[in-house]
Protein backbone atom coordinates (compact mmCIF):
# COMPACT_ATOMS: atom_id res chain seq x y z
CA UNK A 1 37.09 5.18 -54.30
CA UNK A 2 40.55 3.86 -53.74
CA UNK A 3 40.96 0.47 -52.18
CA UNK A 4 43.20 -0.28 -49.15
CA UNK A 5 45.52 -2.26 -51.39
CA UNK A 6 46.33 1.06 -53.29
CA UNK A 7 47.70 2.66 -50.11
CA UNK A 8 51.30 3.25 -50.30
CA UNK A 9 52.85 3.40 -46.86
CA UNK A 10 56.04 4.94 -48.33
CA UNK A 11 54.06 8.01 -49.21
CA UNK A 12 52.75 8.55 -45.75
CA UNK A 13 54.63 11.08 -43.55
CA UNK A 14 53.42 11.34 -40.08
CA UNK A 15 54.70 14.91 -39.54
CA UNK A 16 53.19 16.20 -42.88
CA UNK A 17 50.41 18.09 -41.30
CA UNK A 18 52.62 19.90 -38.85
CA UNK A 19 54.98 20.87 -41.56
CA UNK A 20 52.10 22.56 -43.51
CA UNK A 21 51.15 24.92 -40.56
CA UNK A 22 53.92 27.55 -41.17
CA UNK A 23 53.00 27.68 -44.95
CA UNK A 24 49.29 28.00 -44.28
CA UNK A 25 49.92 30.53 -41.57
CA UNK A 26 52.15 32.72 -43.85
CA UNK A 27 49.57 32.65 -46.63
CA UNK A 28 46.72 33.61 -44.31
CA UNK A 29 48.81 36.30 -42.54
CA UNK A 30 49.97 37.79 -45.93
CA UNK A 31 46.37 37.91 -47.07
CA UNK A 32 45.26 39.60 -43.91
CA UNK A 33 47.86 42.37 -44.49
CA UNK A 34 46.73 42.61 -48.12
CA UNK A 35 43.18 43.12 -46.97
CA UNK A 36 44.15 45.92 -44.61
CA UNK A 37 45.89 47.62 -47.55
CA UNK A 38 42.61 47.43 -49.40
CA UNK A 39 40.99 48.97 -46.36
CA UNK A 40 43.44 51.72 -46.28
CA UNK A 41 42.93 52.47 -50.04
CA UNK A 42 39.12 52.64 -49.40
CA UNK A 43 39.42 54.80 -46.35
CA UNK A 44 41.66 57.18 -48.22
CA UNK A 45 38.75 57.78 -50.62
CA UNK A 46 36.78 59.46 -47.89
CA UNK A 47 39.27 61.30 -45.85
CA UNK A 48 42.79 62.67 -46.11
CA UNK A 49 43.11 62.70 -42.41
CA UNK A 50 44.84 59.56 -41.00
CA UNK A 51 42.86 59.50 -37.61
CA UNK A 52 39.59 59.50 -39.64
CA UNK A 53 40.77 56.83 -41.94
CA UNK A 54 41.71 54.57 -39.07
CA UNK A 55 38.32 55.24 -37.30
CA UNK A 56 36.55 54.25 -40.57
CA UNK A 57 38.72 51.08 -40.75
CA UNK A 58 37.84 50.19 -37.15
CA UNK A 59 34.18 50.98 -37.30
CA UNK A 60 33.24 49.97 -40.80
CA UNK A 61 35.77 47.92 -42.67
CA UNK A 62 36.48 45.45 -39.85
CA UNK A 63 32.83 44.38 -40.12
CA UNK A 64 32.82 43.90 -43.92
CA UNK A 65 33.46 40.72 -45.75
CA UNK A 66 36.32 40.54 -48.22
CA UNK A 67 33.69 40.42 -51.01
CA UNK A 68 32.14 43.55 -49.85
CA UNK A 69 35.46 45.24 -49.87
CA UNK A 70 36.24 43.95 -53.31
CA UNK A 71 32.84 45.36 -54.50
CA UNK A 72 33.68 48.66 -52.91
CA UNK A 73 37.09 48.72 -54.75
CA UNK A 74 35.14 47.95 -57.98
CA UNK A 75 32.95 50.97 -57.36
CA UNK A 76 35.88 53.30 -56.55
CA UNK A 77 37.77 52.24 -59.58
CA UNK A 78 34.84 52.50 -61.89
CA UNK A 79 34.08 55.94 -60.59
CA UNK A 80 37.59 56.99 -61.21
CA UNK A 81 37.59 55.61 -64.68
CA UNK A 82 34.26 57.44 -65.42
CA UNK A 83 35.84 60.69 -64.11
CA UNK A 84 38.68 60.10 -66.58
CA UNK A 85 36.28 59.70 -69.60
CA UNK A 86 35.34 55.96 -69.52
CA UNK A 87 31.74 55.54 -70.73
CA UNK A 88 30.03 52.61 -68.97
CA UNK A 89 27.95 50.29 -71.00
CA UNK A 90 27.19 46.59 -71.34
CA UNK A 91 29.71 46.45 -74.24
CA UNK A 92 32.44 48.27 -72.48
CA UNK A 93 32.15 46.16 -69.31
CA UNK A 94 34.39 47.16 -66.46
CA UNK A 95 37.93 48.32 -67.33
CA UNK A 96 39.24 46.72 -64.03
CA UNK A 97 37.60 43.27 -64.63
CA UNK A 98 40.80 41.36 -64.66
CA UNK A 99 41.96 42.87 -61.23
CA UNK A 100 38.64 42.35 -59.73
CA UNK A 101 38.57 38.70 -60.91
CA UNK A 102 42.07 38.24 -59.51
CA UNK A 103 40.95 39.55 -56.14
CA UNK A 104 38.17 37.04 -56.12
CA UNK A 105 40.65 34.21 -57.03
CA UNK A 106 43.04 35.36 -54.26
CA UNK A 107 40.21 35.16 -51.77
CA UNK A 108 39.17 31.73 -52.89
CA UNK A 109 42.84 30.49 -52.32
CA UNK A 110 42.98 32.11 -48.91
CA UNK A 111 39.71 30.44 -47.99
CA UNK A 112 41.04 27.04 -48.98
CA UNK A 113 44.04 27.56 -46.71
CA UNK A 114 41.85 28.89 -43.88
CA UNK A 115 38.89 26.57 -44.00
CA UNK A 116 39.91 23.26 -45.38
CA UNK A 117 41.84 20.52 -43.73
CA UNK A 118 45.23 19.44 -44.87
CA UNK A 119 45.15 16.08 -46.52
CA UNK A 120 48.10 14.18 -47.53
CA UNK A 121 47.94 12.12 -50.73
CA UNK A 122 48.66 8.48 -49.81
CA UNK A 123 47.38 6.80 -52.78
CA UNK A 124 49.46 6.81 -55.99
CA UNK A 125 46.56 5.57 -58.05
CA UNK A 126 44.15 8.16 -57.03
CA UNK A 127 46.52 11.19 -56.67
CA UNK A 128 49.16 10.40 -59.26
């Protein structure tokens, strides 16, 4: 743990936290829109009718976690790949693994901005 003698008062900015709010807000807002696009993609799998898709989004998808939506996307994409001739096996894995891993990564980044406090580094020794 850092010692008080390592505290660098020149690094401390009193308005640092307030200056982070717009960036945090943008990240969370953009991720929310991204999540709504995933919901639209999933709803389109079940109905070509816009009203029916919106109904599904309001009743089903609004109650699902992002991880549940990601798993649903995984299933939809795997089913499409199988329809196109992909043979599922342990050796083949999932042809969309990279995309699915990236969705998990994006969600973890979003969660950091949404659920963790902003902490300003004030110690050069500890935070370089």
